[in-house]
Structure formats: C-alpha cells, structure tokens
N, C-alpha and C. Protein backbone atom coordinates (compact mmCIF):
# COMPACT_ATOMS: atom_id res chain seq x y z
N UNK A 1 -40.13 -119.50 58.27
CA UNK A 1 -39.62 -119.97 57.01
C UNK A 1 -40.78 -120.48 56.17
N UNK A 2 -40.66 -120.33 54.85
CA UNK A 2 -41.73 -120.69 53.93
C UNK A 2 -41.19 -121.57 52.82
N UNK A 3 -42.00 -122.47 52.31
CA UNK A 3 -41.55 -123.34 51.22
C UNK A 3 -41.73 -122.68 49.85
N UNK A 4 -42.24 -121.46 49.81
CA UNK A 4 -42.40 -120.74 48.55
C UNK A 4 -41.07 -120.07 48.21
N UNK A 5 -40.40 -120.57 47.19
CA UNK A 5 -39.09 -120.02 46.83
C UNK A 5 -39.15 -119.11 45.60
N UNK A 6 -40.34 -118.58 45.30
CA UNK A 6 -40.50 -117.68 44.17
C UNK A 6 -39.89 -116.32 44.53
N UNK A 7 -39.18 -115.75 43.58
CA UNK A 7 -38.58 -114.44 43.78
C UNK A 7 -39.67 -113.41 44.07
N UNK A 8 -39.52 -112.66 45.17
CA UNK A 8 -40.56 -111.69 45.52
C UNK A 8 -40.21 -110.26 45.11
N UNK A 9 -38.96 -110.00 44.78
CA UNK A 9 -38.57 -108.69 44.29
C UNK A 9 -37.34 -108.85 43.42
N UNK A 10 -37.43 -108.31 42.22
CA UNK A 10 -36.34 -108.49 41.27
C UNK A 10 -36.14 -107.18 40.50
N UNK A 11 -34.89 -106.78 40.33
CA UNK A 11 -34.55 -105.63 39.51
C UNK A 11 -33.47 -106.09 38.53
N UNK A 12 -33.75 -105.90 37.24
CA UNK A 12 -32.80 -106.31 36.21
C UNK A 12 -32.52 -105.09 35.34
N UNK A 13 -31.25 -104.78 35.14
CA UNK A 13 -30.85 -103.68 34.26
C UNK A 13 -30.23 -104.26 33.00
N UNK A 14 -30.61 -103.69 31.85
CA UNK A 14 -30.12 -104.17 30.56
C UNK A 14 -29.42 -103.04 29.84
N UNK A 15 -28.39 -103.38 29.08
CA UNK A 15 -27.81 -102.45 28.12
C UNK A 15 -27.74 -103.19 26.80
N UNK A 16 -28.40 -102.64 25.78
CA UNK A 16 -28.47 -103.27 24.48
C UNK A 16 -27.28 -102.85 23.63
N UNK A 17 -27.04 -103.56 22.55
CA UNK A 17 -25.90 -103.29 21.67
C UNK A 17 -25.92 -101.85 21.16
N UNK A 18 -27.09 -101.27 21.00
CA UNK A 18 -27.22 -99.89 20.50
C UNK A 18 -26.84 -98.85 21.56
N UNK A 19 -26.68 -99.29 22.81
CA UNK A 19 -26.41 -98.37 23.91
C UNK A 19 -27.66 -98.01 24.69
N UNK A 20 -28.83 -98.37 24.17
CA UNK A 20 -30.08 -98.12 24.89
C UNK A 20 -30.11 -98.97 26.15
N UNK A 21 -30.74 -98.45 27.18
CA UNK A 21 -30.83 -99.19 28.44
C UNK A 21 -32.30 -99.40 28.82
N UNK A 22 -32.52 -100.39 29.65
CA UNK A 22 -33.86 -100.69 30.15
C UNK A 22 -33.73 -101.27 31.54
N UNK A 23 -34.77 -101.11 32.32
CA UNK A 23 -34.81 -101.69 33.66
C UNK A 23 -36.14 -102.40 33.84
N UNK A 24 -36.10 -103.60 34.39
CA UNK A 24 -37.30 -104.36 34.70
C UNK A 24 -37.38 -104.48 36.21
N UNK A 25 -38.49 -104.04 36.78
CA UNK A 25 -38.76 -104.20 38.21
C UNK A 25 -39.94 -105.14 38.34
N UNK A 26 -39.77 -106.19 39.09
CA UNK A 26 -40.85 -107.13 39.31
C UNK A 26 -41.03 -107.30 40.81
N UNK A 27 -42.24 -107.06 41.29
CA UNK A 27 -42.54 -107.16 42.72
C UNK A 27 -43.74 -108.07 42.88
N UNK A 28 -43.57 -109.16 43.59
CA UNK A 28 -44.64 -110.15 43.74
C UNK A 28 -45.59 -109.81 44.86
N UNK A 29 -45.07 -109.33 45.96
CA UNK A 29 -45.92 -109.11 47.14
C UNK A 29 -46.23 -107.63 47.28
N UNK A 30 -47.30 -107.21 46.64
CA UNK A 30 -47.72 -105.82 46.72
C UNK A 30 -49.24 -105.77 46.70
N UNK A 31 -49.76 -104.60 46.97
CA UNK A 31 -51.21 -104.41 46.92
C UNK A 31 -51.74 -104.66 45.51
N UNK A 32 -50.93 -104.37 44.51
CA UNK A 32 -51.34 -104.49 43.12
C UNK A 32 -50.93 -105.86 42.55
N UNK A 33 -51.45 -106.92 43.10
CA UNK A 33 -51.10 -108.27 42.69
C UNK A 33 -51.44 -108.48 41.22
N UNK A 34 -50.48 -108.98 40.46
CA UNK A 34 -50.64 -109.32 39.04
C UNK A 34 -51.00 -108.13 38.16
N UNK A 35 -50.74 -106.92 38.61
CA UNK A 35 -50.93 -105.76 37.75
C UNK A 35 -49.60 -105.43 37.11
N UNK A 36 -49.66 -105.10 35.83
CA UNK A 36 -48.45 -104.76 35.11
C UNK A 36 -48.52 -103.30 34.66
N UNK A 37 -47.39 -102.65 34.74
CA UNK A 37 -47.30 -101.28 34.28
C UNK A 37 -46.04 -101.18 33.44
N UNK A 38 -46.18 -100.61 32.27
CA UNK A 38 -45.03 -100.45 31.38
C UNK A 38 -44.85 -98.97 31.10
N UNK A 39 -43.62 -98.50 31.23
CA UNK A 39 -43.27 -97.12 30.89
C UNK A 39 -42.02 -97.14 30.04
N UNK A 40 -42.08 -96.40 28.95
CA UNK A 40 -40.93 -96.25 28.06
C UNK A 40 -40.62 -94.77 28.00
N UNK A 41 -39.42 -94.40 28.44
CA UNK A 41 -39.00 -93.01 28.48
C UNK A 41 -38.04 -92.75 27.34
N UNK A 42 -38.25 -91.66 26.63
CA UNK A 42 -37.34 -91.26 25.56
C UNK A 42 -36.98 -89.80 25.72
N UNK A 43 -36.13 -89.31 24.83
CA UNK A 43 -35.70 -87.92 24.89
C UNK A 43 -36.84 -86.94 24.63
N UNK A 44 -37.79 -87.35 23.79
CA UNK A 44 -38.85 -86.45 23.37
C UNK A 44 -40.21 -86.73 24.00
N UNK A 45 -40.30 -87.83 24.76
CA UNK A 45 -41.59 -88.14 25.35
C UNK A 45 -41.57 -89.47 26.07
N UNK A 46 -42.76 -89.89 26.50
CA UNK A 46 -42.86 -91.18 27.17
C UNK A 46 -44.16 -91.87 26.78
N UNK A 47 -44.13 -93.20 26.87
CA UNK A 47 -45.29 -94.04 26.64
C UNK A 47 -45.58 -94.76 27.95
N UNK A 48 -46.85 -94.92 28.28
CA UNK A 48 -47.20 -95.62 29.52
C UNK A 48 -48.48 -96.42 29.29
N UNK A 49 -48.53 -97.60 29.89
CA UNK A 49 -49.74 -98.41 29.85
C UNK A 49 -49.80 -99.28 31.09
N UNK A 50 -51.01 -99.51 31.55
CA UNK A 50 -51.20 -100.44 32.67
C UNK A 50 -52.35 -101.39 32.36
N UNK A 51 -52.79 -101.38 31.10
CA UNK A 51 -53.82 -102.33 30.67
C UNK A 51 -53.56 -102.68 29.20
N UNK A 52 -54.12 -103.76 28.72
CA UNK A 52 -53.81 -104.21 27.36
C UNK A 52 -54.51 -103.42 26.26
N UNK A 53 -55.35 -102.44 26.61
CA UNK A 53 -56.16 -101.78 25.60
C UNK A 53 -55.80 -100.33 25.33
N UNK A 54 -54.98 -99.70 26.16
CA UNK A 54 -54.65 -98.29 25.95
C UNK A 54 -53.17 -98.02 26.18
N UNK A 55 -52.66 -97.02 25.46
CA UNK A 55 -51.30 -96.53 25.65
C UNK A 55 -51.38 -95.00 25.72
N UNK A 56 -50.77 -94.44 26.74
CA UNK A 56 -50.74 -92.98 26.93
C UNK A 56 -49.41 -92.46 26.42
N UNK A 57 -49.45 -91.42 25.57
CA UNK A 57 -48.24 -90.82 25.02
C UNK A 57 -48.16 -89.36 25.47
N UNK A 58 -47.06 -89.01 26.09
CA UNK A 58 -46.82 -87.61 26.51
C UNK A 58 -45.67 -87.08 25.66
N UNK A 59 -45.91 -86.00 24.94
CA UNK A 59 -44.89 -85.35 24.12
C UNK A 59 -44.23 -84.28 24.98
N UNK A 60 -42.94 -84.44 25.28
CA UNK A 60 -42.24 -83.49 26.14
C UNK A 60 -42.09 -82.12 25.48
N UNK A 61 -42.04 -82.07 24.16
CA UNK A 61 -41.85 -80.79 23.47
C UNK A 61 -43.08 -79.90 23.57
N UNK A 62 -44.26 -80.51 23.40
CA UNK A 62 -45.50 -79.72 23.37
C UNK A 62 -46.31 -79.83 24.65
N UNK A 63 -46.02 -80.84 25.46
CA UNK A 63 -46.81 -81.09 26.66
C UNK A 63 -48.11 -81.83 26.36
N UNK A 64 -48.35 -82.10 25.08
CA UNK A 64 -49.59 -82.77 24.68
C UNK A 64 -49.60 -84.23 25.14
N UNK A 65 -50.76 -84.67 25.60
CA UNK A 65 -50.96 -86.06 26.01
C UNK A 65 -52.04 -86.66 25.12
N UNK A 66 -51.75 -87.80 24.52
CA UNK A 66 -52.73 -88.53 23.72
C UNK A 66 -52.88 -89.93 24.30
N UNK A 67 -54.10 -90.40 24.33
CA UNK A 67 -54.36 -91.77 24.76
C UNK A 67 -54.80 -92.55 23.53
N UNK A 68 -54.07 -93.61 23.22
CA UNK A 68 -54.35 -94.45 22.06
C UNK A 68 -55.06 -95.71 22.54
N UNK A 69 -56.16 -96.04 21.88
CA UNK A 69 -56.96 -97.21 22.24
C UNK A 69 -56.78 -98.30 21.19
N UNK A 70 -56.67 -99.54 21.63
CA UNK A 70 -56.57 -100.66 20.70
C UNK A 70 -57.89 -100.80 19.96
N UNK A 71 -57.83 -100.82 18.64
CA UNK A 71 -59.05 -100.95 17.84
C UNK A 71 -59.65 -102.34 18.01
N UNK A 72 -58.78 -103.35 17.99
CA UNK A 72 -59.26 -104.73 18.14
C UNK A 72 -58.18 -105.52 18.86
N UNK A 73 -58.30 -105.62 20.15
CA UNK A 73 -57.30 -106.34 20.94
C UNK A 73 -57.52 -107.83 20.92
N UNK A 74 -58.60 -108.29 20.31
CA UNK A 74 -58.86 -109.72 20.22
C UNK A 74 -59.59 -110.25 21.43
N UNK A 75 -60.09 -111.47 21.30
CA UNK A 75 -60.86 -112.06 22.40
C UNK A 75 -59.99 -112.30 23.63
N UNK A 76 -60.52 -111.96 24.77
CA UNK A 76 -59.82 -112.24 26.01
C UNK A 76 -58.79 -111.21 26.41
N UNK A 77 -58.59 -110.15 25.61
CA UNK A 77 -57.50 -109.21 25.89
C UNK A 77 -57.66 -108.49 27.22
N UNK A 78 -58.88 -108.21 27.62
CA UNK A 78 -59.08 -107.48 28.86
C UNK A 78 -59.27 -108.40 30.06
N UNK A 79 -59.14 -109.70 29.84
CA UNK A 79 -59.33 -110.65 30.93
C UNK A 79 -58.13 -110.67 31.85
N UNK A 80 -58.32 -111.13 33.07
CA UNK A 80 -57.22 -111.25 34.02
C UNK A 80 -56.27 -112.34 33.57
N UNK A 81 -55.14 -112.47 34.25
CA UNK A 81 -54.17 -113.51 33.93
C UNK A 81 -53.27 -113.10 32.80
N UNK A 82 -52.32 -112.23 33.08
CA UNK A 82 -51.37 -111.76 32.08
C UNK A 82 -52.08 -111.07 30.92
N UNK A 83 -53.05 -110.23 31.25
CA UNK A 83 -53.75 -109.45 30.24
C UNK A 83 -54.57 -110.28 29.28
N UNK A 84 -55.00 -111.44 29.71
CA UNK A 84 -55.78 -112.31 28.85
C UNK A 84 -54.96 -113.37 28.15
N UNK A 85 -53.64 -113.26 28.22
CA UNK A 85 -52.77 -114.20 27.51
C UNK A 85 -52.90 -115.61 28.06
N UNK A 86 -53.12 -115.76 29.36
CA UNK A 86 -53.28 -117.10 29.93
C UNK A 86 -54.46 -117.82 29.28
N UNK A 87 -55.58 -117.11 29.16
CA UNK A 87 -56.78 -117.70 28.55
C UNK A 87 -56.53 -118.03 27.08
N UNK A 88 -55.86 -117.14 26.36
CA UNK A 88 -55.58 -117.38 24.95
C UNK A 88 -54.66 -118.58 24.77
N UNK A 89 -53.70 -118.75 25.68
CA UNK A 89 -52.79 -119.89 25.63
C UNK A 89 -53.55 -121.20 25.81
N UNK A 90 -54.43 -121.23 26.79
CA UNK A 90 -55.24 -122.44 27.03
C UNK A 90 -56.16 -122.70 25.84
N UNK A 91 -56.78 -121.66 25.30
CA UNK A 91 -57.66 -121.83 24.13
C UNK A 91 -56.90 -122.44 22.96
N UNK A 92 -55.70 -121.94 22.68
CA UNK A 92 -54.90 -122.48 21.57
C UNK A 92 -54.54 -123.94 21.81
N UNK A 93 -54.19 -124.28 23.04
CA UNK A 93 -53.85 -125.66 23.38
C UNK A 93 -55.06 -126.59 23.16
N UNK A 94 -56.22 -126.17 23.65
CA UNK A 94 -57.43 -127.00 23.51
C UNK A 94 -57.78 -127.17 22.03
N UNK A 95 -57.69 -126.09 21.24
CA UNK A 95 -57.97 -126.20 19.80
C UNK A 95 -57.00 -127.17 19.13
N UNK A 96 -55.72 -127.11 19.51
CA UNK A 96 -54.72 -127.99 18.92
C UNK A 96 -54.99 -129.45 19.26
N UNK A 97 -55.36 -129.71 20.51
CA UNK A 97 -55.66 -131.09 20.93
C UNK A 97 -56.89 -131.60 20.19
N UNK A 98 -57.93 -130.79 20.13
CA UNK A 98 -59.17 -131.20 19.45
C UNK A 98 -58.93 -131.50 17.97
N UNK A 99 -58.12 -130.66 17.33
CA UNK A 99 -57.87 -130.81 15.90
C UNK A 99 -56.74 -131.79 15.60
N UNK A 100 -55.99 -132.17 16.64
CA UNK A 100 -54.83 -133.01 16.42
C UNK A 100 -53.77 -132.31 15.58
N UNK A 101 -53.67 -131.00 15.73
CA UNK A 101 -52.76 -130.18 14.91
C UNK A 101 -51.83 -129.38 15.81
N UNK A 102 -50.59 -129.82 15.93
CA UNK A 102 -49.60 -129.11 16.77
C UNK A 102 -49.31 -127.71 16.25
N UNK A 103 -49.56 -127.47 14.97
CA UNK A 103 -49.30 -126.16 14.38
C UNK A 103 -50.16 -125.05 14.95
N UNK A 104 -51.24 -125.41 15.64
CA UNK A 104 -52.10 -124.39 16.25
C UNK A 104 -51.50 -123.81 17.53
N UNK A 105 -50.48 -124.46 18.08
CA UNK A 105 -49.73 -123.91 19.21
C UNK A 105 -48.49 -123.26 18.61
N UNK A 106 -48.42 -121.95 18.69
CA UNK A 106 -47.43 -121.20 17.92
C UNK A 106 -46.02 -121.23 18.47
N UNK A 107 -45.84 -121.56 19.74
CA UNK A 107 -44.49 -121.65 20.29
C UNK A 107 -44.35 -122.92 21.10
N UNK A 108 -43.12 -123.38 21.19
CA UNK A 108 -42.83 -124.55 21.99
C UNK A 108 -42.07 -124.17 23.24
N UNK A 109 -41.61 -125.16 23.99
CA UNK A 109 -40.92 -124.88 25.25
C UNK A 109 -39.62 -124.09 25.05
N UNK A 110 -38.90 -124.35 23.96
CA UNK A 110 -37.63 -123.64 23.74
C UNK A 110 -37.87 -122.14 23.54
N UNK A 111 -38.84 -121.81 22.70
CA UNK A 111 -39.15 -120.40 22.45
C UNK A 111 -39.68 -119.72 23.71
N UNK A 112 -40.50 -120.42 24.46
CA UNK A 112 -41.02 -119.86 25.72
C UNK A 112 -39.88 -119.58 26.69
N UNK A 113 -38.93 -120.50 26.79
CA UNK A 113 -37.79 -120.31 27.68
C UNK A 113 -36.96 -119.11 27.21
N UNK A 114 -36.69 -119.01 25.90
CA UNK A 114 -35.91 -117.89 25.38
C UNK A 114 -36.59 -116.56 25.71
N UNK A 115 -37.91 -116.51 25.59
CA UNK A 115 -38.61 -115.25 25.83
C UNK A 115 -38.59 -114.85 27.30
N UNK A 116 -38.40 -115.80 28.20
CA UNK A 116 -38.38 -115.50 29.63
C UNK A 116 -36.96 -115.32 30.19
N UNK A 117 -35.96 -115.65 29.43
CA UNK A 117 -34.58 -115.52 29.92
C UNK A 117 -34.17 -114.08 30.14
N UNK A 118 -34.76 -113.15 29.41
CA UNK A 118 -34.41 -111.75 29.54
C UNK A 118 -34.53 -111.29 30.98
N UNK A 119 -35.56 -111.75 31.65
CA UNK A 119 -35.75 -111.38 33.05
C UNK A 119 -35.19 -112.44 33.95
C-alpha cells in the first residue's frame, strides 16, 4: 500500500453541445514521464504535436504532411515542466510580488480550478 493517492490512469470522454467528441487519456506511470501528446482527428485530416514548438498536419485527401513551427513561442516554451508553463507561472508570480501588482498574475484560483475541471 502507498500513501500516494494521485490518479495513475484516467480516461475521460466528452461530448460537446455541437456533437463533437473528445477523449483525454492521462497516464502517470509510464516510460514517458511528463510527456504530452496531442492528436486531433477530423474528417479531412489530423493534427499532432508532442512538443510546444511544432504541429504536424496530415491531409487525408492528398496524403500531404506539413510540419508547422512556432515562430515565437516565447521564453521558456521548450523548457520542461508542462512545456515551460511552470517556469512562466513562477516568473509571473515573482514579477507580481516584486512590483506589488496583482494584475501581473493573469488568473486566480477560481479560473485555474475551472480550467482543470474538464479532466
């Protein structure tokens, strides 16, 4: 028995008002720790990415594959920790504390909770 009660495997299926569906698979204990992969499948093609700087597009009609690169992903985008977002979050917090300006932190706990409820 372990005191770690974090979910180690989760599958969530969604159906949106438009009828579109989505599935989220989250696996904590795998060889690919903290790696994220996103795939969006459509009738005419698919989009895939596993890093914050590129998106691969496959056109089912032509078979053509294009890789799109982010022109400016911003500082920290390729860093570890949620694609650099962890570092950017800490940077914003430190800037806000130094400046005494809460407006530099763009979201609060309520918005953060809402954004995580989907999963």
